[in-house]
Amino acid sequence: MNMNQIELLRVLYENGFNLSKAADRMHVVQSAVSRQLQLFEEELGSPLLTRHGKKLTGLTPLGQKVLAQTQTMQQAKKNILSIASEYKNGDTGILHIATTHTQAKYFLPKPIRRFRDKYPKVKVYIVQSSPEHLIDFLHNGEADLAICTEKVSEDGTLVVKPCYEWHHAVVMPKQHPLASGELTLERLASCPVLTYSFGFTGRSNIEKAFENSGLTLDVVLAAADTDVIKTYVRLGLGVGLIAEMAYDAVADADLVVRNLSSLIPSSVTKIAYLRQNYLPAYGRHFIEELLEAAEDINFQ
């Protein structure tokens, strides 16, 4: 058994068990692929792949177990290369961050600025998407860290660190009836509501609060971007349920903001990364910057 044979099984799986494509990926002729596969199976004493005639069709039960081990070995190889690169290049590299619009605009600027002051040779790339896609970016190797509120705690392959706790608020024009008087879920439920799309920025906590009170939200517009919600609030489409940190006292001075911490459960933004991945020292230091920035938010 050698590393090429182990790699071959993974390449075959990723290419639909097509021998020709696997040979191209491994830069050898097809007959060499067939021969290596034959030697591998002979050494193990049992087939790794199911066949229909000469065509490979899938993995045997043994093949499935061996493939799981090859994936572990591939991850180890990736981690070794990352460690070697860190040893060689020091504080130079690229940090890929997957996050939502709200986190990118309202939370990340200060910690990223402080991080760049300490690590000027590390480039920071941000990709914005839904929490579900952020997790995919981690698994696909397109992101080193994910920062969001929803979904990450549901994935057992991730290391998840609570970052900071925050609350929702309602924003409305100054003349709106909800701008004064006691705020209740009943009063909110009586108004057209603009808020986040499902899966974004604590939307699940909003829904839960109203459902637990037997109330139904009249959501007339949902968006991933807080600025979009505030734009349509200004047009008079309804009141906006947003993350309180997304209210800017200067830019949003034309709107009234009211805290909803007594009505809607608090949400927690989390930092997540793959448990199996090696995180370079600058990646670990970036997490420290995030947690330090979070202390400022929680203190306030």
Protein backbone atom coordinates (compact mmCIF):
# COMPACT_ATOMS: atom_id res chain seq x y z
CA MET A 1 0.00 0.00 0.00
CA ASN A 2 1.30 3.46 -0.86
CA MET A 3 0.04 7.04 -0.71
CA ASN A 4 -0.81 7.10 -4.42
CA GLN A 5 -3.13 4.13 -4.02
CA ILE A 6 -4.83 5.74 -1.05
CA GLU A 7 -5.15 9.03 -2.96
CA LEU A 8 -6.56 7.13 -5.95
CA LEU A 9 -9.61 5.95 -4.03
CA ARG A 10 -10.50 9.52 -3.06
CA VAL A 11 -9.95 10.80 -6.60
CA LEU A 12 -12.14 8.04 -8.05
CA TYR A 13 -14.91 8.92 -5.59
CA GLU A 14 -14.71 12.64 -6.42
CA ASN A 15 -14.89 11.89 -10.16
CA GLY A 16 -17.88 9.55 -10.13
CA PHE A 17 -15.65 6.43 -10.33
CA ASN A 18 -14.61 7.41 -13.86
CA LEU A 19 -11.20 5.85 -14.52
CA SER A 20 -10.34 8.24 -17.34
CA LYS A 21 -11.05 11.36 -15.25
CA ALA A 22 -9.18 9.90 -12.29
CA ALA A 23 -6.16 9.22 -14.52
CA ASP A 24 -6.22 12.82 -15.77
CA ARG A 25 -6.40 14.14 -12.20
CA MET A 26 -3.43 12.01 -11.17
CA HIS A 27 -1.48 12.75 -14.38
CA VAL A 28 -1.05 9.08 -15.33
CA VAL A 29 -2.44 6.79 -18.02
CA GLN A 30 -5.69 4.93 -17.34
CA SER A 31 -3.98 1.54 -17.32
CA ALA A 32 -1.77 2.71 -14.44
CA VAL A 33 -4.87 3.67 -12.43
CA SER A 34 -6.43 0.26 -13.05
CA ARG A 35 -3.21 -1.51 -12.05
CA GLN A 36 -2.77 0.49 -8.82
CA LEU A 37 -6.37 -0.17 -7.86
CA GLN A 38 -5.90 -3.90 -8.51
CA LEU A 39 -2.76 -3.99 -6.33
CA PHE A 40 -4.51 -2.08 -3.55
CA GLU A 41 -7.48 -4.48 -3.48
CA GLU A 42 -5.20 -7.53 -3.63
CA GLU A 43 -3.24 -6.29 -0.62
CA LEU A 44 -6.43 -5.69 1.37
CA GLY A 45 -7.86 -9.00 0.26
CA SER A 46 -11.29 -7.59 -0.63
CA PRO A 47 -12.80 -5.30 -3.28
CA LEU A 48 -13.01 -1.60 -2.55
CA LEU A 49 -15.31 -0.83 -5.47
CA THR A 50 -18.44 -2.35 -6.93
CA ARG A 51 -18.44 -3.11 -10.65
CA HIS A 52 -20.82 -3.68 -13.53
CA GLY A 53 -18.71 -5.42 -16.12
CA LYS A 54 -15.59 -3.26 -16.45
CA LYS A 55 -17.36 -0.15 -15.19
CA LEU A 56 -16.84 1.03 -11.62
CA THR A 57 -20.18 1.83 -10.01
CA GLY A 58 -19.55 2.64 -6.35
CA LEU A 59 -17.91 1.76 -3.06
CA THR A 60 -18.17 -1.54 -1.23
CA PRO A 61 -18.72 -1.38 2.55
CA LEU A 62 -14.95 -1.80 2.95
CA GLY A 63 -14.37 0.93 0.39
CA GLN A 64 -16.58 3.32 2.33
CA LYS A 65 -14.57 2.77 5.51
CA VAL A 66 -11.24 3.11 3.72
CA LEU A 67 -12.44 6.30 2.01
CA ALA A 68 -13.26 7.84 5.41
CA GLN A 69 -9.66 7.19 6.44
CA THR A 70 -8.29 8.70 3.22
CA GLN A 71 -10.27 11.87 3.91
CA THR A 72 -8.69 12.03 7.37
CA MET A 73 -5.28 11.62 5.79
CA GLN A 74 -6.03 14.32 3.24
CA GLN A 75 -6.98 16.69 6.05
CA ALA A 76 -3.74 15.83 7.86
CA LYS A 77 -1.81 16.60 4.67
CA LYS A 78 -3.57 19.96 4.39
CA ASN A 79 -2.80 20.78 8.03
CA ILE A 80 0.87 19.83 7.61
CA LEU A 81 1.16 22.19 4.63
CA SER A 82 -0.48 24.96 6.67
CA ILE A 83 1.93 24.41 9.55
CA ALA A 84 4.91 24.41 7.18
CA SER A 85 3.68 27.59 5.49
CA GLU A 86 3.28 29.31 8.86
CA TYR A 87 6.76 28.22 9.91
CA LYS A 88 8.26 29.51 6.65
CA ASN A 89 6.26 32.70 6.14
CA GLY A 90 5.58 33.79 9.73
CA ASP A 91 2.99 36.55 9.94
CA THR A 92 2.13 36.44 6.24
CA GLY A 93 -1.00 34.87 4.81
CA ILE A 94 -4.66 35.24 3.96
CA LEU A 95 -7.54 35.02 6.43
CA HIS A 96 -10.86 34.17 4.82
CA ILE A 97 -13.88 35.25 6.88
CA ALA A 98 -17.42 34.16 6.06
CA THR A 99 -20.11 36.29 7.66
CA THR A 100 -23.41 38.09 7.22
CA HIS A 101 -23.96 41.69 6.16
CA THR A 102 -24.87 42.78 9.69
CA GLN A 103 -21.67 41.40 11.23
CA ALA A 104 -19.49 42.69 8.38
CA LYS A 105 -20.81 46.24 8.65
CA TYR A 106 -21.56 46.76 12.33
CA PHE A 107 -19.24 44.45 14.29
CA LEU A 108 -16.15 43.55 12.29
CA PRO A 109 -14.65 46.94 11.30
CA LYS A 110 -12.97 47.67 14.67
CA PRO A 111 -11.45 44.21 15.30
CA ILE A 112 -10.28 43.98 11.68
CA ARG A 113 -8.62 47.39 11.91
CA ARG A 114 -6.83 46.42 15.13
CA PHE A 115 -5.84 43.05 13.64
CA ARG A 116 -4.41 44.69 10.52
CA ASP A 117 -2.36 47.04 12.70
CA LYS A 118 -0.74 44.00 14.32
CA TYR A 119 -0.56 41.81 11.21
CA PRO A 120 -0.08 44.14 8.22
CA LYS A 121 1.14 41.27 6.02
CA VAL A 122 -2.04 39.21 6.49
CA LYS A 123 -4.73 39.92 3.93
CA VAL A 124 -8.34 39.69 5.11
CA TYR A 125 -10.96 38.51 2.65
CA ILE A 126 -14.64 38.71 3.61
CA VAL A 127 -17.42 36.78 1.91
CA GLN A 128 -21.03 37.58 2.85
CA SER A 129 -23.88 35.10 2.64
CA SER A 130 -26.56 33.30 4.63
CA PRO A 131 -25.52 31.31 7.74
CA GLU A 132 -26.19 28.00 5.92
CA HIS A 133 -23.84 28.99 3.13
CA LEU A 134 -21.26 30.23 5.60
CA ILE A 135 -21.01 26.71 7.02
CA ASP A 136 -20.63 25.35 3.48
CA PHE A 137 -17.76 27.78 2.93
CA LEU A 138 -16.00 26.30 5.97
CA HIS A 139 -16.47 22.73 4.78
CA ASN A 140 -15.42 23.57 1.21
CA GLY A 141 -12.21 25.24 2.36
CA GLU A 142 -13.37 28.68 1.15
CA ALA A 143 -13.34 30.21 4.64
CA ASP A 144 -11.22 29.83 7.77
CA LEU A 145 -13.74 31.39 10.15
CA ALA A 146 -17.48 31.96 10.14
CA ILE A 147 -19.08 34.71 12.23
CA CYS A 148 -22.85 34.68 12.54
CA THR A 149 -25.79 34.13 14.88
CA GLU A 150 -27.80 31.32 13.31
CA LYS A 151 -27.07 27.69 12.40
CA VAL A 152 -23.42 27.13 13.42
CA SER A 153 -24.27 25.47 16.74
CA GLU A 154 -26.13 22.74 14.83
CA ASP A 155 -22.92 21.42 13.20
CA GLY A 156 -20.94 19.07 15.42
CA THR A 157 -17.83 19.26 13.22
CA LEU A 158 -17.27 22.88 14.22
CA VAL A 159 -15.57 24.53 17.16
CA VAL A 160 -18.08 27.20 18.19
CA LYS A 161 -17.17 30.08 20.50
CA PRO A 162 -19.82 32.49 21.82
CA CYS A 163 -18.71 35.99 20.89
CA TYR A 164 -21.24 38.56 22.12
CA GLU A 165 -24.87 38.87 23.16
CA TRP A 166 -27.16 41.38 21.51
CA HIS A 167 -30.82 42.42 21.33
CA HIS A 168 -33.33 43.38 18.70
CA ALA A 169 -34.91 46.80 18.43
CA VAL A 170 -37.80 48.29 16.51
CA VAL A 171 -37.31 51.34 14.30
CA MET A 172 -40.03 53.57 12.88
CA PRO A 173 -40.67 57.14 11.67
CA LYS A 174 -41.00 59.69 14.47
CA GLN A 175 -44.75 60.14 13.97
CA HIS A 176 -45.54 56.41 14.21
CA PRO A 177 -47.94 55.28 17.00
CA LEU A 178 -45.31 52.87 18.39
CA ALA A 179 -42.91 55.76 18.94
CA SER A 180 -44.58 56.36 22.32
CA GLY A 181 -46.44 54.38 24.95
CA GLU A 182 -45.74 50.92 26.33
CA LEU A 183 -44.28 48.48 23.83
CA THR A 184 -45.91 45.05 23.74
CA LEU A 185 -45.83 42.12 21.35
CA GLU A 186 -49.52 42.70 20.73
CA ARG A 187 -48.88 46.26 19.54
CA LEU A 188 -46.03 45.07 17.31
CA ALA A 189 -48.17 42.27 15.88
CA SER A 190 -50.82 44.83 14.90
CA CYS A 191 -48.37 46.61 12.55
CA PRO A 192 -46.87 45.63 9.19
CA VAL A 193 -43.34 44.43 9.97
CA LEU A 194 -40.09 44.59 8.02
CA THR A 195 -37.36 42.30 9.30
CA TYR A 196 -34.65 39.81 8.38
CA SER A 197 -35.01 36.86 6.03
CA PHE A 198 -35.30 33.43 7.64
CA GLY A 199 -31.91 32.25 8.89
CA PHE A 200 -30.49 35.76 9.27
CA THR A 201 -29.65 37.88 12.33
CA GLY A 202 -31.79 36.25 15.00
CA ARG A 203 -34.95 35.91 12.91
CA SER A 204 -35.65 32.61 14.69
CA ASN A 205 -35.75 34.40 18.07
CA ILE A 206 -38.22 36.95 16.69
CA GLU A 207 -40.51 34.21 15.44
CA LYS A 208 -40.20 32.27 18.69
CA ALA A 209 -41.22 35.25 20.83
CA PHE A 210 -44.41 35.85 18.88
CA GLU A 211 -45.31 32.16 18.53
CA ASN A 212 -44.92 31.63 22.29
CA SER A 213 -47.41 34.45 22.83
CA GLY A 214 -49.87 33.03 20.32
CA LEU A 215 -49.34 35.96 17.97
CA THR A 216 -48.64 36.10 14.24
CA LEU A 217 -46.25 38.58 12.66
CA ASP A 218 -47.40 40.40 9.56
CA VAL A 219 -44.04 40.42 7.74
CA VAL A 220 -44.53 42.47 4.59
CA LEU A 221 -40.83 42.62 3.65
CA ALA A 222 -37.86 40.45 4.59
CA ALA A 223 -34.24 41.16 3.70
CA ALA A 224 -30.75 40.08 4.70
CA ASP A 225 -29.49 43.67 4.75
CA THR A 226 -30.44 45.99 7.65
CA ASP A 227 -29.98 49.05 5.48
CA VAL A 228 -32.61 47.72 3.07
CA ILE A 229 -35.04 47.27 5.96
CA LYS A 230 -34.45 50.82 7.20
CA THR A 231 -34.90 52.20 3.66
CA TYR A 232 -38.39 50.73 3.39
CA VAL A 233 -39.27 51.78 6.93
CA ARG A 234 -38.60 55.33 5.76
CA LEU A 235 -40.98 54.76 2.85
CA GLY A 236 -43.75 53.94 5.33
CA LEU A 237 -44.13 50.23 4.60
CA GLY A 238 -44.08 49.32 8.31
CA VAL A 239 -41.89 49.12 11.39
CA GLY A 240 -38.49 47.47 11.25
CA LEU A 241 -37.31 44.74 13.61
CA ILE A 242 -33.52 44.93 13.42
CA ALA A 243 -30.39 44.21 15.43
CA GLU A 244 -30.06 47.09 17.88
CA MET A 245 -26.38 47.58 16.97
CA ALA A 246 -27.48 48.32 13.38
CA TYR A 247 -29.10 51.59 14.45
CA ASP A 248 -26.79 54.55 13.84
CA ALA A 249 -27.68 57.53 16.04
CA VAL A 250 -26.36 59.93 13.39
CA ALA A 251 -27.33 58.33 10.08
CA ASP A 252 -30.68 57.13 11.44
CA ALA A 253 -31.59 60.27 13.41
CA ASP A 254 -34.83 60.53 11.40
CA LEU A 255 -36.02 57.23 12.91
CA VAL A 256 -37.08 56.36 16.45
CA VAL A 257 -35.45 53.24 17.93
CA ARG A 258 -36.85 51.27 20.86
CA ASN A 259 -35.15 48.37 22.57
CA LEU A 260 -36.97 44.99 22.56
CA SER A 261 -34.84 43.14 25.11
CA SER A 262 -37.84 42.63 27.40
CA LEU A 263 -39.96 41.16 24.58
CA ILE A 264 -37.61 39.14 22.34
CA PRO A 265 -34.93 36.78 23.71
CA SER A 266 -31.34 37.93 23.27
CA SER A 267 -29.26 36.48 20.46
CA VAL A 268 -25.61 35.40 20.52
CA THR A 269 -23.18 35.92 17.69
CA LYS A 270 -20.71 33.05 17.44
CA ILE A 271 -17.31 32.35 15.93
CA ALA A 272 -16.93 28.97 14.24
CA TYR A 273 -14.20 27.03 12.48
CA LEU A 274 -13.68 23.40 11.49
CA ARG A 275 -12.46 21.30 14.39
CA GLN A 276 -10.16 19.30 12.10
CA ASN A 277 -8.46 22.34 10.56
CA TYR A 278 -5.17 23.78 11.72
CA LEU A 279 -5.69 27.47 12.42
CA PRO A 280 -2.53 29.58 12.00
CA ALA A 281 -1.36 31.76 14.87
CA TYR A 282 -2.68 34.91 13.18
CA GLY A 283 -6.10 33.22 12.88
CA ARG A 284 -6.10 32.50 16.61
CA HIS A 285 -5.07 36.09 17.32
CA PHE A 286 -7.91 37.36 15.16
CA ILE A 287 -10.35 35.39 17.32
CA GLU A 288 -8.80 37.11 20.35
CA GLU A 289 -9.47 40.48 18.70
CA LEU A 290 -13.09 39.49 18.12
CA LEU A 291 -13.55 38.45 21.73
CA GLU A 292 -11.94 41.66 22.95
CA ALA A 293 -14.28 43.71 20.76
CA ALA A 294 -17.17 41.63 22.11
CA GLU A 295 -16.29 42.59 25.68
CA ASP A 296 -16.79 46.24 24.75
CA ILE A 297 -20.24 45.46 23.35
CA ASN A 298 -21.28 43.32 26.31
CA PHE A 299 -19.98 45.95 28.75
CA GLN A 300 -22.10 48.61 27.07
